[in-house]
Amino acid sequence: ALAFGLAMATTPVRAEDKVQINVLSKEERLAQQRERMIEENVQYATKNQEAVKAEGGGVAAVGGKRKTARPVAKNKIPDSAEPAESSKSAAAPAPAKAKAPEPDIPKKNKVIKSPADEIDPDELPSEAPNPPLLFAVVFGPATLFLTFWFLGSLNII
């Protein structure tokens, strides 16, 4: 056994690190996932708009539980009080811009404390910290010795 222990102690260690080179960090994975979600959202919105236009016009309600189309008034009747320039500018549709999603803000998790989750005193292991027992074990024998020594030196005992 001594020879085996000596052989194990003197043998050089040949450990190899199994490092994966192409592993992404969590932030990089989340960034890629967010980009894919944005791309899918844009693709879905364009497909939905094309389908609604083919059915007869309207703007799709994106992100709702129901995928229904809301009709859009194609030609507005300009009021006589408005100038002609504003009616021409209103007729030209504004280009649709895809909004970037807001960054996720971590919400506070609600912590529920239940009395059932606490450990009862009878469930504690024997190695659990117990300051009164430590004090009694450390100072008890010394106090007992000094008490008998003092009482014996005064011939009380």
N, C-alpha and C. Protein backbone atom coordinates (compact mmCIF):
# COMPACT_ATOMS: atom_id res chain seq x y z
N ALA A 1 0.82 -1.19 0.00
CA ALA A 1 0.00 0.00 0.00
C ALA A 1 0.87 1.25 0.00
N LEU A 2 2.00 1.19 0.72
CA LEU A 2 2.90 2.34 0.76
C LEU A 2 3.51 2.59 -0.61
N ALA A 3 3.87 1.52 -1.30
CA ALA A 3 4.45 1.65 -2.64
C ALA A 3 3.41 2.22 -3.61
N PHE A 4 2.18 1.77 -3.47
CA PHE A 4 1.12 2.29 -4.35
C PHE A 4 0.89 3.79 -4.09
N GLY A 5 0.84 4.19 -2.83
CA GLY A 5 0.65 5.60 -2.49
C GLY A 5 1.81 6.44 -2.98
N LEU A 6 3.05 5.93 -2.86
CA LEU A 6 4.22 6.65 -3.34
C LEU A 6 4.19 6.78 -4.85
N ALA A 7 3.76 5.70 -5.53
CA ALA A 7 3.68 5.74 -7.00
C ALA A 7 2.62 6.74 -7.45
N MET A 8 1.51 6.81 -6.75
CA MET A 8 0.46 7.76 -7.11
C MET A 8 0.90 9.20 -6.87
N ALA A 9 1.67 9.43 -5.81
CA ALA A 9 2.11 10.78 -5.48
C ALA A 9 3.16 11.29 -6.44
N THR A 10 3.97 10.41 -7.00
CA THR A 10 5.05 10.86 -7.89
C THR A 10 4.68 10.82 -9.35
N THR A 11 3.54 10.27 -9.71
CA THR A 11 3.12 10.20 -11.11
C THR A 11 2.66 11.58 -11.57
N PRO A 12 3.16 12.05 -12.72
CA PRO A 12 2.73 13.36 -13.21
C PRO A 12 1.26 13.31 -13.67
N VAL A 13 0.61 14.40 -13.50
CA VAL A 13 -0.80 14.50 -13.87
C VAL A 13 -0.90 14.93 -15.32
N ARG A 14 -1.71 14.20 -16.07
CA ARG A 14 -1.91 14.53 -17.49
C ARG A 14 -3.38 14.84 -17.72
N ALA A 15 -3.82 15.90 -17.12
CA ALA A 15 -5.23 16.29 -17.26
C ALA A 15 -5.40 17.09 -18.53
N GLU A 16 -6.48 16.84 -19.22
CA GLU A 16 -6.81 17.59 -20.43
C GLU A 16 -8.09 18.36 -20.19
N ASP A 17 -8.06 19.61 -20.58
CA ASP A 17 -9.26 20.42 -20.48
C ASP A 17 -10.13 20.15 -21.68
N LYS A 18 -11.36 19.79 -21.43
CA LYS A 18 -12.30 19.55 -22.52
C LYS A 18 -13.07 20.84 -22.75
N VAL A 19 -12.40 21.77 -23.39
CA VAL A 19 -12.97 23.08 -23.64
C VAL A 19 -13.65 23.07 -24.99
N GLN A 20 -14.89 23.49 -25.02
CA GLN A 20 -15.60 23.60 -26.28
C GLN A 20 -15.38 25.00 -26.82
N ILE A 21 -14.90 25.07 -28.03
CA ILE A 21 -14.51 26.36 -28.60
C ILE A 21 -15.72 27.15 -29.06
N ASN A 22 -16.70 26.51 -29.65
CA ASN A 22 -17.82 27.21 -30.27
C ASN A 22 -19.02 27.35 -29.34
N VAL A 23 -18.79 27.50 -28.07
CA VAL A 23 -19.89 27.65 -27.13
C VAL A 23 -20.13 29.13 -26.90
N LEU A 24 -21.41 29.54 -27.02
CA LEU A 24 -21.76 30.95 -26.82
C LEU A 24 -22.12 31.19 -25.37
N SER A 25 -21.87 32.41 -24.92
CA SER A 25 -22.27 32.76 -23.56
C SER A 25 -23.78 32.98 -23.53
N LYS A 26 -24.31 33.10 -22.34
CA LYS A 26 -25.76 33.26 -22.18
C LYS A 26 -26.23 34.56 -22.84
N GLU A 27 -25.46 35.65 -22.67
CA GLU A 27 -25.85 36.92 -23.26
C GLU A 27 -25.88 36.84 -24.78
N GLU A 28 -24.89 36.15 -25.36
CA GLU A 28 -24.86 36.02 -26.81
C GLU A 28 -26.03 35.19 -27.31
N ARG A 29 -26.35 34.09 -26.59
CA ARG A 29 -27.49 33.27 -26.99
C ARG A 29 -28.78 34.06 -26.90
N LEU A 30 -28.95 34.85 -25.83
CA LEU A 30 -30.17 35.66 -25.69
C LEU A 30 -30.25 36.72 -26.78
N ALA A 31 -29.12 37.31 -27.15
CA ALA A 31 -29.12 38.32 -28.21
C ALA A 31 -29.53 37.69 -29.54
N GLN A 32 -28.99 36.49 -29.85
CA GLN A 32 -29.37 35.80 -31.08
C GLN A 32 -30.85 35.43 -31.07
N GLN A 33 -31.33 34.97 -29.93
CA GLN A 33 -32.74 34.60 -29.82
C GLN A 33 -33.63 35.83 -30.03
N ARG A 34 -33.24 36.96 -29.45
CA ARG A 34 -34.01 38.19 -29.59
C ARG A 34 -34.04 38.64 -31.05
N GLU A 35 -32.89 38.53 -31.75
CA GLU A 35 -32.83 38.90 -33.16
C GLU A 35 -33.75 38.00 -33.99
N ARG A 36 -33.72 36.69 -33.72
CA ARG A 36 -34.60 35.77 -34.45
C ARG A 36 -36.07 36.10 -34.21
N MET A 37 -36.41 36.45 -32.98
CA MET A 37 -37.80 36.79 -32.67
C MET A 37 -38.23 38.05 -33.42
N ILE A 38 -37.34 39.04 -33.50
CA ILE A 38 -37.66 40.27 -34.23
C ILE A 38 -37.86 39.96 -35.71
N GLU A 39 -36.98 39.14 -36.27
CA GLU A 39 -37.12 38.77 -37.69
C GLU A 39 -38.43 38.03 -37.93
N GLU A 40 -38.77 37.10 -37.06
CA GLU A 40 -40.02 36.36 -37.22
C GLU A 40 -41.22 37.28 -37.09
N ASN A 41 -41.14 38.24 -36.19
CA ASN A 41 -42.24 39.19 -36.01
C ASN A 41 -42.43 40.03 -37.26
N VAL A 42 -41.32 40.49 -37.86
CA VAL A 42 -41.41 41.29 -39.08
C VAL A 42 -41.96 40.44 -40.22
N GLN A 43 -41.49 39.19 -40.35
CA GLN A 43 -41.99 38.31 -41.41
C GLN A 43 -43.47 38.03 -41.22
N TYR A 44 -43.88 37.77 -39.99
CA TYR A 44 -45.28 37.51 -39.72
C TYR A 44 -46.13 38.73 -40.06
N ALA A 45 -45.66 39.91 -39.70
CA ALA A 45 -46.42 41.12 -39.96
C ALA A 45 -46.58 41.35 -41.46
N THR A 46 -45.51 41.13 -42.24
CA THR A 46 -45.61 41.34 -43.69
C THR A 46 -46.53 40.30 -44.32
N LYS A 47 -46.44 39.03 -43.89
CA LYS A 47 -47.33 38.00 -44.44
C LYS A 47 -48.78 38.29 -44.08
N ASN A 48 -49.01 38.74 -42.87
CA ASN A 48 -50.36 39.04 -42.42
C ASN A 48 -50.93 40.22 -43.20
N GLN A 49 -50.12 41.24 -43.45
CA GLN A 49 -50.59 42.40 -44.20
C GLN A 49 -50.92 42.00 -45.64
N GLU A 50 -50.09 41.14 -46.24
CA GLU A 50 -50.35 40.71 -47.62
C GLU A 50 -51.64 39.89 -47.69
N ALA A 51 -51.87 39.04 -46.69
CA ALA A 51 -53.08 38.23 -46.69
C ALA A 51 -54.32 39.09 -46.51
N VAL A 52 -54.24 40.10 -45.67
CA VAL A 52 -55.39 40.96 -45.43
C VAL A 52 -55.68 41.81 -46.67
N LYS A 53 -54.63 42.29 -47.33
CA LYS A 53 -54.84 43.09 -48.54
C LYS A 53 -55.49 42.24 -49.63
N ALA A 54 -55.13 40.97 -49.70
CA ALA A 54 -55.71 40.08 -50.70
C ALA A 54 -57.18 39.81 -50.39
N GLU A 55 -57.56 39.84 -49.12
CA GLU A 55 -58.95 39.59 -48.73
C GLU A 55 -59.84 40.82 -48.90
N GLY A 56 -59.25 41.97 -48.95
CA GLY A 56 -60.10 43.15 -49.15
C GLY A 56 -59.70 44.33 -48.30
N GLY A 57 -58.52 44.37 -47.84
CA GLY A 57 -58.05 45.54 -47.12
C GLY A 57 -58.20 45.41 -45.62
N GLY A 58 -57.45 46.22 -44.93
CA GLY A 58 -57.50 46.21 -43.47
C GLY A 58 -56.12 46.05 -42.89
N VAL A 59 -56.03 46.34 -41.64
CA VAL A 59 -54.76 46.21 -40.93
C VAL A 59 -54.95 45.11 -39.90
N ALA A 60 -54.04 44.19 -39.85
CA ALA A 60 -54.16 43.07 -38.93
C ALA A 60 -53.78 43.49 -37.52
N ALA A 61 -54.46 42.92 -36.57
CA ALA A 61 -54.14 43.16 -35.17
C ALA A 61 -53.04 42.19 -34.78
N VAL A 62 -51.81 42.67 -34.75
CA VAL A 62 -50.67 41.81 -34.47
C VAL A 62 -50.49 41.70 -32.97
N GLY A 63 -50.28 40.50 -32.50
CA GLY A 63 -49.95 40.29 -31.10
C GLY A 63 -51.16 40.05 -30.22
N GLY A 64 -52.36 40.11 -30.77
CA GLY A 64 -53.54 39.85 -29.96
C GLY A 64 -53.84 38.37 -29.91
N LYS A 65 -54.83 38.00 -29.10
CA LYS A 65 -55.19 36.59 -29.03
C LYS A 65 -55.91 36.16 -30.30
N ARG A 66 -56.73 37.04 -30.82
CA ARG A 66 -57.45 36.73 -32.05
C ARG A 66 -56.75 37.42 -33.20
N LYS A 67 -56.62 36.72 -34.28
CA LYS A 67 -55.97 37.29 -35.46
C LYS A 67 -57.06 37.76 -36.42
N THR A 68 -57.67 38.88 -36.09
CA THR A 68 -58.72 39.42 -36.94
C THR A 68 -58.22 40.67 -37.62
N ALA A 69 -58.85 41.01 -38.71
CA ALA A 69 -58.46 42.20 -39.46
C ALA A 69 -59.42 43.33 -39.12
N ARG A 70 -58.85 44.51 -38.96
CA ARG A 70 -59.67 45.70 -38.73
C ARG A 70 -59.71 46.49 -40.03
N PRO A 71 -60.87 46.88 -40.46
CA PRO A 71 -60.95 47.62 -41.72
C PRO A 71 -60.34 49.01 -41.59
N VAL A 72 -59.76 49.47 -42.69
CA VAL A 72 -59.15 50.80 -42.74
C VAL A 72 -59.86 51.60 -43.82
N ALA A 73 -60.18 52.82 -43.49
CA ALA A 73 -60.81 53.69 -44.49
C ALA A 73 -59.77 54.08 -45.53
N LYS A 74 -60.04 53.72 -46.78
CA LYS A 74 -59.05 53.99 -47.83
C LYS A 74 -59.07 55.45 -48.27
N ASN A 75 -60.23 55.99 -48.46
CA ASN A 75 -60.33 57.39 -48.92
C ASN A 75 -61.12 58.20 -47.90
N LYS A 76 -60.47 59.18 -47.35
CA LYS A 76 -61.15 60.07 -46.41
C LYS A 76 -61.74 61.24 -47.19
N ILE A 77 -62.89 61.67 -46.75
CA ILE A 77 -63.51 62.83 -47.39
C ILE A 77 -62.95 64.08 -46.72
N PRO A 78 -62.24 64.92 -47.45
CA PRO A 78 -61.66 66.10 -46.82
C PRO A 78 -62.75 67.12 -46.49
N ASP A 79 -62.59 67.74 -45.33
CA ASP A 79 -63.53 68.80 -44.94
C ASP A 79 -63.27 70.02 -45.81
N SER A 80 -64.29 70.82 -45.98
CA SER A 80 -64.16 72.02 -46.82
C SER A 80 -63.27 73.06 -46.14
N ALA A 81 -63.15 73.02 -44.83
CA ALA A 81 -62.34 73.99 -44.11
C ALA A 81 -60.85 73.68 -44.24
N GLU A 82 -60.49 72.41 -44.56
CA GLU A 82 -59.08 72.06 -44.66
C GLU A 82 -58.53 72.49 -46.01
N PRO A 83 -57.29 72.90 -46.02
CA PRO A 83 -56.67 73.24 -47.30
C PRO A 83 -56.41 71.98 -48.14
N ALA A 84 -56.23 72.13 -49.39
CA ALA A 84 -56.04 71.02 -50.31
C ALA A 84 -54.71 70.32 -50.06
N GLU A 85 -53.71 71.05 -49.56
CA GLU A 85 -52.40 70.46 -49.34
C GLU A 85 -52.45 69.39 -48.25
N SER A 86 -53.22 69.63 -47.20
CA SER A 86 -53.29 68.65 -46.11
C SER A 86 -53.99 67.37 -46.57
N SER A 87 -54.96 67.49 -47.48
CA SER A 87 -55.63 66.28 -47.95
C SER A 87 -54.69 65.45 -48.83
N LYS A 88 -53.81 66.13 -49.58
CA LYS A 88 -52.84 65.39 -50.40
C LYS A 88 -51.81 64.70 -49.51
N SER A 89 -51.38 65.38 -48.45
CA SER A 89 -50.39 64.77 -47.58
C SER A 89 -51.01 63.64 -46.75
N ALA A 90 -52.29 63.74 -46.45
CA ALA A 90 -52.95 62.69 -45.69
C ALA A 90 -53.18 61.45 -46.55
N ALA A 91 -53.30 61.63 -47.85
CA ALA A 91 -53.54 60.51 -48.74
C ALA A 91 -52.28 59.64 -48.89
N ALA A 92 -51.10 60.26 -48.74
CA ALA A 92 -49.86 59.49 -48.87
C ALA A 92 -49.62 58.74 -47.56
N PRO A 93 -49.54 57.42 -47.65
CA PRO A 93 -49.33 56.65 -46.40
C PRO A 93 -47.91 56.82 -45.88
N ALA A 94 -47.77 56.80 -44.58
CA ALA A 94 -46.44 56.91 -43.96
C ALA A 94 -45.78 55.54 -44.01
N PRO A 95 -44.46 55.51 -44.24
CA PRO A 95 -43.79 54.21 -44.30
C PRO A 95 -43.82 53.54 -42.91
N ALA A 96 -44.08 52.25 -42.93
CA ALA A 96 -44.16 51.49 -41.67
C ALA A 96 -42.75 51.17 -41.19
N LYS A 97 -42.51 51.45 -39.92
CA LYS A 97 -41.20 51.16 -39.34
C LYS A 97 -41.37 50.06 -38.30
N ALA A 98 -40.47 49.11 -38.33
CA ALA A 98 -40.51 48.03 -37.34
C ALA A 98 -39.83 48.54 -36.07
N LYS A 99 -40.58 48.53 -34.99
CA LYS A 99 -40.03 49.01 -33.73
C LYS A 99 -39.19 47.90 -33.10
N ALA A 100 -38.09 48.29 -32.52
CA ALA A 100 -37.27 47.32 -31.79
C ALA A 100 -37.95 47.06 -30.46
N PRO A 101 -37.98 45.81 -30.02
CA PRO A 101 -38.64 45.52 -28.74
C PRO A 101 -37.88 46.16 -27.58
N GLU A 102 -38.63 46.52 -26.58
CA GLU A 102 -38.03 47.12 -25.39
C GLU A 102 -37.18 46.07 -24.69
N PRO A 103 -36.06 46.50 -24.10
CA PRO A 103 -35.25 45.50 -23.37
C PRO A 103 -36.02 44.96 -22.17
N ASP A 104 -35.80 43.69 -21.93
CA ASP A 104 -36.51 43.04 -20.83
C ASP A 104 -36.00 43.58 -19.50
N ILE A 105 -36.90 44.09 -18.70
CA ILE A 105 -36.56 44.59 -17.38
C ILE A 105 -36.91 43.50 -16.39
N PRO A 106 -35.93 43.05 -15.61
CA PRO A 106 -36.25 41.97 -14.66
C PRO A 106 -37.23 42.45 -13.62
N LYS A 107 -38.28 41.66 -13.43
CA LYS A 107 -39.29 41.99 -12.43
C LYS A 107 -38.92 41.32 -11.11
N LYS A 108 -39.39 41.91 -10.04
CA LYS A 108 -39.12 41.33 -8.74
C LYS A 108 -39.99 40.09 -8.58
N ASN A 109 -39.34 39.00 -8.21
CA ASN A 109 -40.07 37.77 -7.98
C ASN A 109 -40.70 37.83 -6.60
N LYS A 110 -41.95 37.45 -6.53
CA LYS A 110 -42.63 37.46 -5.25
C LYS A 110 -42.16 36.26 -4.44
N VAL A 111 -41.67 36.52 -3.24
CA VAL A 111 -41.16 35.46 -2.38
C VAL A 111 -42.21 35.18 -1.31
N ILE A 112 -42.64 33.94 -1.27
CA ILE A 112 -43.64 33.53 -0.29
C ILE A 112 -42.94 32.70 0.76
N LYS A 113 -43.02 33.16 2.01
CA LYS A 113 -42.40 32.42 3.11
C LYS A 113 -43.48 31.65 3.85
N SER A 114 -43.30 30.37 3.93
CA SER A 114 -44.26 29.50 4.59
C SER A 114 -43.62 28.93 5.86
N PRO A 115 -44.37 28.86 6.95
CA PRO A 115 -43.82 28.25 8.16
C PRO A 115 -43.48 26.78 7.96
N ALA A 116 -44.10 26.14 6.99
CA ALA A 116 -43.82 24.73 6.73
C ALA A 116 -42.43 24.54 6.12
N ASP A 117 -41.88 25.60 5.50
CA ASP A 117 -40.57 25.51 4.90
C ASP A 117 -39.45 25.59 5.93
N GLU A 118 -39.72 26.13 7.11
CA GLU A 118 -38.69 26.27 8.13
C GLU A 118 -38.41 24.91 8.78
N ILE A 119 -37.18 24.74 9.23
CA ILE A 119 -36.79 23.47 9.84
C ILE A 119 -37.11 23.54 11.33
N ASP A 120 -37.79 22.50 11.82
CA ASP A 120 -38.11 22.41 13.25
C ASP A 120 -36.86 22.09 14.04
N PRO A 121 -36.84 22.45 15.34
CA PRO A 121 -35.65 22.15 16.16
C PRO A 121 -35.34 20.66 16.25
N ASP A 122 -36.37 19.82 16.21
CA ASP A 122 -36.10 18.38 16.29
C ASP A 122 -35.59 17.81 14.96
N GLU A 123 -35.68 18.59 13.87
CA GLU A 123 -35.19 18.15 12.57
C GLU A 123 -33.75 18.58 12.31
N LEU A 124 -33.18 19.42 13.18
CA LEU A 124 -31.83 19.92 12.98
C LEU A 124 -30.82 18.78 13.15
N PRO A 125 -29.76 18.76 12.35
CA PRO A 125 -28.74 17.73 12.54
C PRO A 125 -27.94 18.01 13.81
N SER A 126 -27.26 16.99 14.31
CA SER A 126 -26.50 17.16 15.54
C SER A 126 -25.29 18.07 15.34
N GLU A 127 -24.86 18.28 14.09
CA GLU A 127 -23.72 19.15 13.80
C GLU A 127 -24.11 20.61 13.67
N ALA A 128 -25.38 20.93 13.82
CA ALA A 128 -25.84 22.31 13.66
C ALA A 128 -25.25 23.17 14.78
N PRO A 129 -24.98 24.45 14.51
CA PRO A 129 -24.39 25.33 15.54
C PRO A 129 -25.33 25.46 16.75
N ASN A 130 -24.74 25.31 17.94
CA ASN A 130 -25.50 25.43 19.18
C ASN A 130 -24.62 26.18 20.19
N PRO A 131 -24.68 27.51 20.23
CA PRO A 131 -23.80 28.29 21.09
C PRO A 131 -23.92 27.97 22.59
N PRO A 132 -25.11 27.75 23.17
CA PRO A 132 -25.15 27.44 24.61
C PRO A 132 -24.43 26.13 24.93
N LEU A 133 -24.58 25.12 24.08
CA LEU A 133 -23.90 23.85 24.32
C LEU A 133 -22.39 24.03 24.20
N LEU A 134 -21.93 24.81 23.24
CA LEU A 134 -20.51 25.07 23.07
C LEU A 134 -19.95 25.75 24.33
N PHE A 135 -20.66 26.75 24.84
CA PHE A 135 -20.23 27.46 26.05
C PHE A 135 -20.14 26.49 27.22
N ALA A 136 -21.13 25.60 27.37
CA ALA A 136 -21.13 24.66 28.49
C ALA A 136 -19.99 23.65 28.37
N VAL A 137 -19.70 23.19 27.16
CA VAL A 137 -18.63 22.21 26.97
C VAL A 137 -17.26 22.84 27.20
N VAL A 138 -17.06 24.07 26.75
CA VAL A 138 -15.76 24.71 26.87
C VAL A 138 -15.49 25.16 28.31
N PHE A 139 -16.46 25.84 28.93
CA PHE A 139 -16.21 26.43 30.25
C PHE A 139 -16.74 25.59 31.41
N GLY A 140 -17.57 24.59 31.16
CA GLY A 140 -18.15 23.77 32.23
C GLY A 140 -17.11 23.01 33.04
N PRO A 141 -16.26 22.20 32.42
CA PRO A 141 -15.27 21.45 33.19
C PRO A 141 -14.29 22.35 33.95
N ALA A 142 -13.87 23.45 33.33
CA ALA A 142 -12.94 24.35 34.01
C ALA A 142 -13.60 25.01 35.21
N THR A 143 -14.86 25.40 35.06
CA THR A 143 -15.59 26.02 36.17
C THR A 143 -15.78 25.02 37.31
N LEU A 144 -16.12 23.79 36.98
CA LEU A 144 -16.31 22.75 38.00
C LEU A 144 -15.00 22.49 38.75
N PHE A 145 -13.89 22.41 38.02
CA PHE A 145 -12.59 22.18 38.65
C PHE A 145 -12.22 23.33 39.58
N LEU A 146 -12.38 24.56 39.07
CA LEU A 146 -12.01 25.72 39.90
C LEU A 146 -12.90 25.83 41.13
N THR A 147 -14.17 25.47 41.00
CA THR A 147 -15.08 25.54 42.15
C THR A 147 -14.64 24.56 43.23
N PHE A 148 -14.36 23.30 42.88
CA PHE A 148 -13.92 22.33 43.87
C PHE A 148 -12.54 22.68 44.45
N TRP A 149 -11.67 23.23 43.63
CA TRP A 149 -10.34 23.61 44.10
C TRP A 149 -10.44 24.72 45.14
N PHE A 150 -11.28 25.75 44.81
CA PHE A 150 -11.46 26.87 45.74
C PHE A 150 -12.11 26.39 47.03
N LEU A 151 -13.18 25.60 46.94
CA LEU A 151 -13.86 25.13 48.13
C LEU A 151 -12.99 24.17 48.95
N GLY A 152 -12.16 23.37 48.26
CA GLY A 152 -11.25 22.47 48.96
C GLY A 152 -10.13 23.21 49.66
N SER A 153 -9.65 24.30 49.07
CA SER A 153 -8.57 25.05 49.70
C SER A 153 -9.03 25.79 50.94
N LEU A 154 -10.33 26.08 51.04
CA LEU A 154 -10.87 26.75 52.23
C LEU A 154 -11.37 25.74 53.26
N ASN A 155 -11.13 24.47 53.04
CA ASN A 155 -11.57 23.37 53.90
C ASN A 155 -13.07 23.38 54.10
N ILE A 156 -13.82 23.80 53.07
CA ILE A 156 -15.26 23.75 53.16
C ILE A 156 -15.72 22.35 52.76
N ILE A 157 -15.02 21.74 51.87
CA ILE A 157 -15.39 20.39 51.44
C ILE A 157 -14.53 19.40 52.20
